Amino acid sequence: MKSFENKDNASSPYKWDLEQQGASKAEYISPDIETLQGQPNIDFDELLALRNEKDTQATPNQENEETVEVYNQFGNYVTTTGNPDKAIEKRVIALSKSTAKAIKKGASWKDFADVITLPSEEVMNTAQEAIDRTQSTSVQIEQGFVVGIDGTTSEIVSDGENGKVKMGPAYEEMEKRGVKTAFDVHTHPEGEISGESFKSTHYPSGEPESIYIDKDFGYRGLKERQKAVTEPSWVLGERNEVKYEKRENQVAGPGERIEIRERYISFYTSKGIVGEMTWEDFKAVVDRVNKKSTKMSKKSKSAK
């Protein structure tokens, strides 16, 4: 067991030596541990996982619960929840280290905002098509679509008038088809780099918990109130950066100027962003999970 101690203040209430104290772990987990993030000698992810374990330790898996394989943000297998005697009914990805740890320790994956269903091939292909359409013209126009809980998607929609996507027609399409919706996906245009200034576009527009539905966070809030979404929405934009790297044997000067432009995906609810990574990394994670799950399924069948 690790010892957690804020050494800058020996009298701090945030002092844990769980092994020596011999007391319940939960007794040493402050509800305000977020204030410790970034402090030296504090393993924040471990503390958060321990608190999550405290919050959920009284919720055992039920026999009638669906059987779910859980993977982490790198595409590695974490655990299987639910009835071990049932076939795998769902696969999910935890977008943070702390959430993956908590689920492995027994927390329910349903209690975390940063857990997404493994996207279907149709979802990934439609997302790539939306990106390609956005980048296909000099005046880039946002593209978007809605995903059903069954992994199917609506047609890609946009709005040629002002470049901003209107998601209403996509939700209406899914409703007419009788498909329960899970989340929506939309693109943002490429960012800008001008001199030392740069603008990224991979985050949702507006402010978390906003009431203005013409912005991404506000529109997401509307859909949550309508109970039209069950997991985080996606934004597919661009992360831009300017940095300088010194050449080999360089002593003075800022170094070589490098412009970085990367296609990024951000996952969000009305309360904020719950995860992000490059689009290429996310595609690799999805591919890795699919390969691992197929391999595990074959092993399971051969063992029976």
Protein backbone atom coordinates (compact mmCIF):
# COMPACT_ATOMS: atom_id res chain seq x y z
CA MET A 1 0.00 0.00 0.00
CA LYS A 2 1.34 3.43 -0.89
CA SER A 3 1.87 6.19 1.64
CA PHE A 4 0.34 9.52 0.62
CA GLU A 5 1.67 12.57 2.36
CA ASN A 6 1.78 16.29 1.68
CA LYS A 7 5.33 16.86 2.94
CA ASP A 8 5.08 20.63 2.62
CA ASN A 9 2.79 20.72 5.64
CA ALA A 10 3.29 18.07 8.27
CA SER A 11 0.08 19.04 10.05
CA SER A 12 -1.98 18.91 6.87
CA PRO A 13 -5.24 16.90 7.06
CA TYR A 14 -4.21 15.41 3.71
CA LYS A 15 -1.77 12.97 5.26
CA TRP A 16 -2.21 9.32 4.57
CA ASP A 17 -0.12 6.38 5.65
CA LEU A 18 -2.79 3.80 5.10
CA GLU A 19 -0.64 0.78 5.75
CA GLN A 20 0.69 1.97 9.13
CA GLN A 21 -2.59 3.43 10.31
CA GLY A 22 -4.33 0.11 9.71
CA ALA A 23 -7.65 1.90 9.26
CA SER A 24 -10.22 1.89 6.50
CA LYS A 25 -8.93 3.49 3.31
CA ALA A 26 -12.16 5.42 2.99
CA GLU A 27 -11.52 7.26 6.28
CA TYR A 28 -8.46 8.91 4.76
CA ILE A 29 -9.98 10.07 1.51
CA SER A 30 -11.02 13.70 1.59
CA PRO A 31 -14.05 14.76 -0.51
CA ASP A 32 -11.91 17.71 -1.62
CA ILE A 33 -8.96 15.76 -3.00
CA GLU A 34 -9.25 17.67 -6.29
CA THR A 35 -7.48 20.53 -4.46
CA LEU A 36 -4.39 18.33 -4.26
CA GLN A 37 -3.99 17.87 -7.99
CA GLY A 38 -0.53 18.92 -9.11
CA GLN A 39 1.00 19.02 -5.61
CA PRO A 40 4.30 17.17 -5.13
CA ASN A 41 4.35 13.67 -3.66
CA ILE A 42 0.63 13.18 -4.26
CA ASP A 43 -0.55 10.41 -6.58
CA PHE A 44 -3.78 12.14 -7.57
CA ASP A 45 -5.05 9.37 -9.84
CA GLU A 46 -4.58 6.78 -7.10
CA LEU A 47 -6.40 8.94 -4.56
CA LEU A 48 -9.29 9.54 -6.93
CA ALA A 49 -9.57 5.83 -7.63
CA LEU A 50 -9.60 5.11 -3.89
CA ARG A 51 -12.35 7.64 -3.29
CA ASN A 52 -14.35 6.22 -6.18
CA GLU A 53 -13.95 2.81 -4.57
CA LYS A 54 -15.33 4.23 -1.32
CA ASP A 55 -18.30 5.78 -3.10
CA THR A 56 -19.24 2.60 -4.92
CA GLN A 57 -18.06 -0.27 -2.72
CA ALA A 58 -21.60 -0.96 -1.52
CA THR A 59 -22.85 -1.58 -5.08
CA PRO A 60 -22.08 -5.19 -6.05
CA ASN A 61 -22.65 -6.48 -9.56
CA GLN A 62 -26.09 -8.00 -9.98
CA GLU A 63 -26.70 -11.28 -11.76
CA ASN A 64 -29.07 -9.65 -14.24
CA GLU A 65 -26.65 -6.82 -15.08
CA GLU A 66 -25.38 -6.78 -18.66
CA THR A 67 -21.90 -8.20 -19.14
CA VAL A 68 -19.49 -5.47 -20.22
CA GLU A 69 -15.82 -5.53 -21.21
CA VAL A 70 -13.98 -2.40 -20.10
CA TYR A 71 -10.87 -1.01 -21.82
CA ASN A 72 -8.72 2.01 -20.99
CA GLN A 73 -7.77 5.04 -23.09
CA PHE A 74 -4.88 3.11 -24.62
CA GLY A 75 -7.05 0.22 -25.77
CA ASN A 76 -5.85 -2.17 -23.07
CA TYR A 77 -8.25 -4.56 -21.35
CA VAL A 78 -9.20 -3.52 -17.79
CA THR A 79 -11.93 -5.84 -16.52
CA THR A 80 -15.27 -7.47 -17.26
CA THR A 81 -18.30 -6.45 -15.22
CA GLY A 82 -21.68 -8.09 -14.79
CA ASN A 83 -22.54 -11.76 -14.88
CA PRO A 84 -19.46 -13.80 -15.88
CA ASP A 85 -21.71 -16.61 -17.08
CA LYS A 86 -23.28 -14.43 -19.77
CA ALA A 87 -21.82 -13.56 -23.16
CA ILE A 88 -20.27 -10.11 -23.63
CA GLU A 89 -23.07 -7.68 -24.47
CA LYS A 90 -21.17 -4.41 -24.61
CA ARG A 91 -17.64 -2.97 -24.75
CA VAL A 92 -16.73 0.42 -23.31
CA ILE A 93 -13.65 2.65 -23.12
CA ALA A 94 -12.71 4.59 -19.97
CA LEU A 95 -11.11 7.86 -21.07
CA SER A 96 -9.00 8.45 -17.95
CA LYS A 97 -6.56 6.49 -15.84
CA SER A 98 -8.47 7.22 -12.62
CA THR A 99 -11.77 5.95 -14.00
CA ALA A 100 -10.20 2.77 -15.37
CA LYS A 101 -8.62 2.12 -11.95
CA ALA A 102 -11.89 2.72 -10.12
CA ILE A 103 -13.82 0.35 -12.39
CA LYS A 104 -11.16 -2.31 -11.98
CA LYS A 105 -11.57 -1.97 -8.20
CA GLY A 106 -15.32 -2.58 -8.46
CA ALA A 107 -16.96 0.74 -9.31
CA SER A 108 -19.74 0.69 -11.89
CA TRP A 109 -18.74 2.05 -15.30
CA LYS A 110 -22.19 3.64 -15.50
CA ASP A 111 -21.27 6.10 -12.73
CA PHE A 112 -18.62 7.89 -14.78
CA ALA A 113 -19.13 10.59 -17.39
CA ASP A 114 -15.87 9.74 -19.15
CA VAL A 115 -16.84 6.25 -20.31
CA ILE A 116 -17.94 5.76 -23.91
CA THR A 117 -19.29 2.80 -25.83
CA LEU A 118 -16.83 1.27 -28.28
CA PRO A 119 -17.82 3.00 -31.55
CA SER A 120 -19.12 0.84 -34.36
CA GLU A 121 -17.43 0.72 -37.75
CA GLU A 122 -20.31 2.80 -39.12
CA VAL A 123 -19.71 5.53 -36.54
CA MET A 124 -15.98 5.71 -37.24
CA ASN A 125 -16.48 5.76 -41.01
CA THR A 126 -19.15 8.46 -40.79
CA ALA A 127 -16.91 10.57 -38.53
CA GLN A 128 -14.05 10.33 -41.03
CA GLU A 129 -16.39 11.27 -43.86
CA ALA A 130 -17.57 14.32 -41.88
CA ILE A 131 -13.93 15.38 -41.42
CA ASP A 132 -13.21 14.91 -45.12
CA ARG A 133 -16.26 16.94 -46.12
CA THR A 134 -15.24 19.76 -43.78
CA GLN A 135 -11.77 19.93 -45.30
CA SER A 136 -12.92 19.57 -48.90
CA THR A 137 -13.67 23.25 -49.51
CA SER A 138 -11.74 26.48 -48.95
CA VAL A 139 -14.63 27.87 -46.87
CA GLN A 140 -14.93 25.10 -44.34
CA ILE A 141 -18.43 24.22 -43.18
CA GLU A 142 -19.18 22.20 -40.06
CA GLN A 143 -20.61 18.73 -40.60
CA GLY A 144 -22.43 16.60 -38.06
CA PHE A 145 -24.50 13.48 -37.41
CA VAL A 146 -26.30 11.66 -34.62
CA VAL A 147 -25.46 8.20 -33.28
CA GLY A 148 -28.05 5.71 -32.06
CA ILE A 149 -27.57 3.36 -29.13
CA ASP A 150 -27.52 0.56 -31.70
CA GLY A 151 -24.38 2.00 -33.34
CA THR A 152 -26.13 3.30 -36.45
CA THR A 153 -25.83 6.90 -37.61
CA SER A 154 -28.00 9.53 -39.23
CA GLU A 155 -27.10 11.13 -42.52
CA ILE A 156 -24.43 13.83 -42.29
CA VAL A 157 -25.99 17.29 -41.98
CA SER A 158 -24.62 20.85 -42.22
CA ASP A 159 -25.75 24.42 -42.73
CA GLY A 160 -24.30 26.24 -45.69
CA GLU A 161 -25.54 29.68 -44.58
CA ASN A 162 -23.06 30.50 -41.82
CA GLY A 163 -20.81 27.48 -41.61
CA LYS A 164 -22.36 26.23 -38.35
CA VAL A 165 -23.94 22.80 -38.31
CA LYS A 166 -27.61 22.38 -37.37
CA MET A 167 -28.14 19.05 -35.65
CA GLY A 168 -31.94 19.21 -35.43
CA PRO A 169 -32.60 17.43 -38.77
CA ALA A 170 -30.28 14.56 -37.75
CA TYR A 171 -32.13 14.03 -34.46
CA GLU A 172 -35.44 14.17 -36.32
CA GLU A 173 -34.24 11.55 -38.79
CA MET A 174 -33.35 9.14 -35.99
CA GLU A 175 -36.68 9.75 -34.28
CA LYS A 176 -38.56 8.95 -37.49
CA ARG A 177 -36.54 5.75 -37.82
CA GLY A 178 -37.47 4.80 -34.27
CA VAL A 179 -33.83 4.75 -33.12
CA LYS A 180 -33.02 5.88 -29.58
CA THR A 181 -30.17 8.39 -29.78
CA ALA A 182 -26.95 8.17 -27.76
CA PHE A 183 -24.90 11.26 -28.71
CA ASP A 184 -24.05 13.60 -31.55
CA VAL A 185 -20.82 14.30 -33.43
CA HIS A 186 -19.79 17.42 -35.29
CA THR A 187 -16.69 18.90 -36.88
CA HIS A 188 -14.99 22.24 -36.48
CA PRO A 189 -12.93 23.86 -39.23
CA GLU A 190 -9.16 23.95 -39.21
CA GLY A 191 -7.51 26.34 -36.78
CA GLU A 192 -5.17 29.20 -37.59
CA ILE A 193 -1.46 29.85 -37.13
CA SER A 194 -0.23 33.37 -37.80
CA GLY A 195 3.22 34.29 -36.58
CA GLU A 196 3.37 33.44 -32.90
CA SER A 197 -0.43 33.35 -32.59
CA PHE A 198 -2.40 30.17 -33.06
CA LYS A 199 -6.00 29.12 -32.65
CA SER A 200 -7.21 25.61 -31.98
CA THR A 201 -10.71 24.40 -32.75
CA HIS A 202 -10.96 21.01 -31.04
CA TYR A 203 -12.99 22.18 -28.04
CA PRO A 204 -16.78 22.68 -27.86
CA SER A 205 -17.96 26.26 -28.23
CA GLY A 206 -19.46 28.25 -25.36
CA GLU A 207 -19.10 27.67 -21.64
CA PRO A 208 -19.95 24.55 -19.59
CA GLU A 209 -23.50 24.56 -18.17
CA SER A 210 -24.45 27.43 -20.49
CA ILE A 211 -28.10 28.03 -21.34
CA TYR A 212 -27.32 29.35 -24.83
CA ILE A 213 -28.25 26.58 -27.23
CA ASP A 214 -26.50 28.24 -30.18
CA LYS A 215 -23.24 27.06 -28.58
CA ASP A 216 -22.06 23.47 -28.23
CA PHE A 217 -22.23 23.19 -24.43
CA GLY A 218 -25.65 24.81 -24.32
CA TYR A 219 -27.07 22.61 -27.07
CA ARG A 220 -25.72 19.54 -25.31
CA GLY A 221 -27.50 20.70 -22.15
CA LEU A 222 -30.75 20.94 -24.09
CA LYS A 223 -30.38 17.38 -25.35
CA GLU A 224 -29.63 16.16 -21.82
CA ARG A 225 -32.82 17.79 -20.54
CA GLN A 226 -34.72 16.15 -23.39
CA LYS A 227 -33.11 12.82 -22.41
CA ALA A 228 -31.94 12.46 -26.01
CA VAL A 229 -28.32 11.54 -25.13
CA THR A 230 -26.82 8.77 -23.03
CA GLU A 231 -23.07 9.37 -23.36
CA PRO A 232 -20.61 12.17 -24.26
CA SER A 233 -20.84 14.03 -27.55
CA TRP A 234 -17.83 14.46 -29.85
CA VAL A 235 -16.12 17.46 -31.43
CA LEU A 236 -13.66 16.80 -34.24
CA GLY A 237 -11.42 19.83 -34.65
CA GLU A 238 -7.79 20.84 -34.89
CA ARG A 239 -5.22 21.46 -32.16
CA ASN A 240 -2.57 23.95 -33.17
CA GLU A 241 0.68 24.90 -31.51
CA VAL A 242 3.90 26.77 -32.26
CA LYS A 243 7.05 25.60 -30.52
CA TYR A 244 10.81 25.85 -30.88
CA GLU A 245 13.26 22.96 -30.78
CA LYS A 246 17.00 23.47 -30.53
CA ARG A 247 19.11 21.81 -33.17
CA GLU A 248 21.83 19.34 -32.31
CA ASN A 249 24.75 21.10 -30.61
CA GLN A 250 22.84 24.42 -30.57
CA VAL A 251 23.78 26.58 -27.57
CA ALA A 252 22.10 29.95 -28.07
CA GLY A 253 18.90 31.08 -29.73
CA PRO A 254 15.32 29.80 -29.63
CA GLY A 255 15.82 26.94 -32.06
CA GLU A 256 13.86 25.82 -35.08
CA ARG A 257 10.29 27.07 -35.29
CA ILE A 258 7.82 24.20 -35.68
CA GLU A 259 4.12 24.49 -36.44
CA ILE A 260 1.99 21.64 -35.14
CA ARG A 261 -1.42 20.93 -36.61
CA GLU A 262 -3.20 17.83 -35.35
CA ARG A 263 -6.73 16.58 -35.87
CA TYR A 264 -8.19 16.11 -32.39
CA ILE A 265 -11.31 14.62 -30.86
CA SER A 266 -12.86 15.98 -27.67
CA PHE A 267 -15.60 14.29 -25.67
CA TYR A 268 -17.96 16.47 -23.66
CA THR A 269 -21.18 16.78 -21.70
CA SER A 270 -22.96 19.98 -20.70
CA LYS A 271 -20.72 20.15 -17.61
CA GLY A 272 -17.42 20.13 -19.46
CA ILE A 273 -14.84 18.16 -21.43
CA VAL A 274 -14.38 14.58 -20.21
CA GLY A 275 -11.58 13.47 -22.53
CA GLU A 276 -9.51 14.29 -25.59
CA MET A 277 -6.83 12.76 -27.83
CA THR A 278 -5.64 12.96 -31.41
CA TRP A 279 -8.02 11.53 -33.96
CA GLU A 280 -5.32 9.14 -35.16
CA ASP A 281 -4.73 7.91 -31.60
CA PHE A 282 -8.45 7.37 -31.09
CA LYS A 283 -8.74 5.38 -34.30
CA ALA A 284 -5.80 3.26 -33.14
CA VAL A 285 -7.45 2.70 -29.73
CA VAL A 286 -10.71 1.57 -31.36
CA ASP A 287 -8.81 -0.75 -33.69
CA ARG A 288 -6.82 -2.17 -30.77
CA VAL A 289 -9.97 -2.83 -28.71
CA ASN A 290 -11.63 -4.57 -31.64
CA LYS A 291 -8.63 -6.83 -32.18
CA LYS A 292 -8.21 -7.61 -28.49
CA SER A 293 -11.91 -8.32 -27.97
CA THR A 294 -11.99 -10.65 -30.98
CA LYS A 295 -8.96 -12.52 -29.66
CA MET A 296 -10.47 -12.80 -26.17
CA SER A 297 -13.77 -13.99 -27.58
CA LYS A 298 -12.05 -16.76 -29.54
CA LYS A 299 -10.12 -17.87 -26.45
CA SER A 300 -13.32 -17.91 -24.39
CA LYS A 301 -15.13 -20.07 -26.94
CA SER A 302 -12.24 -22.52 -27.25
CA ALA A 303 -12.09 -22.86 -23.44
CA LYS A 304 -15.72 -24.01 -23.26
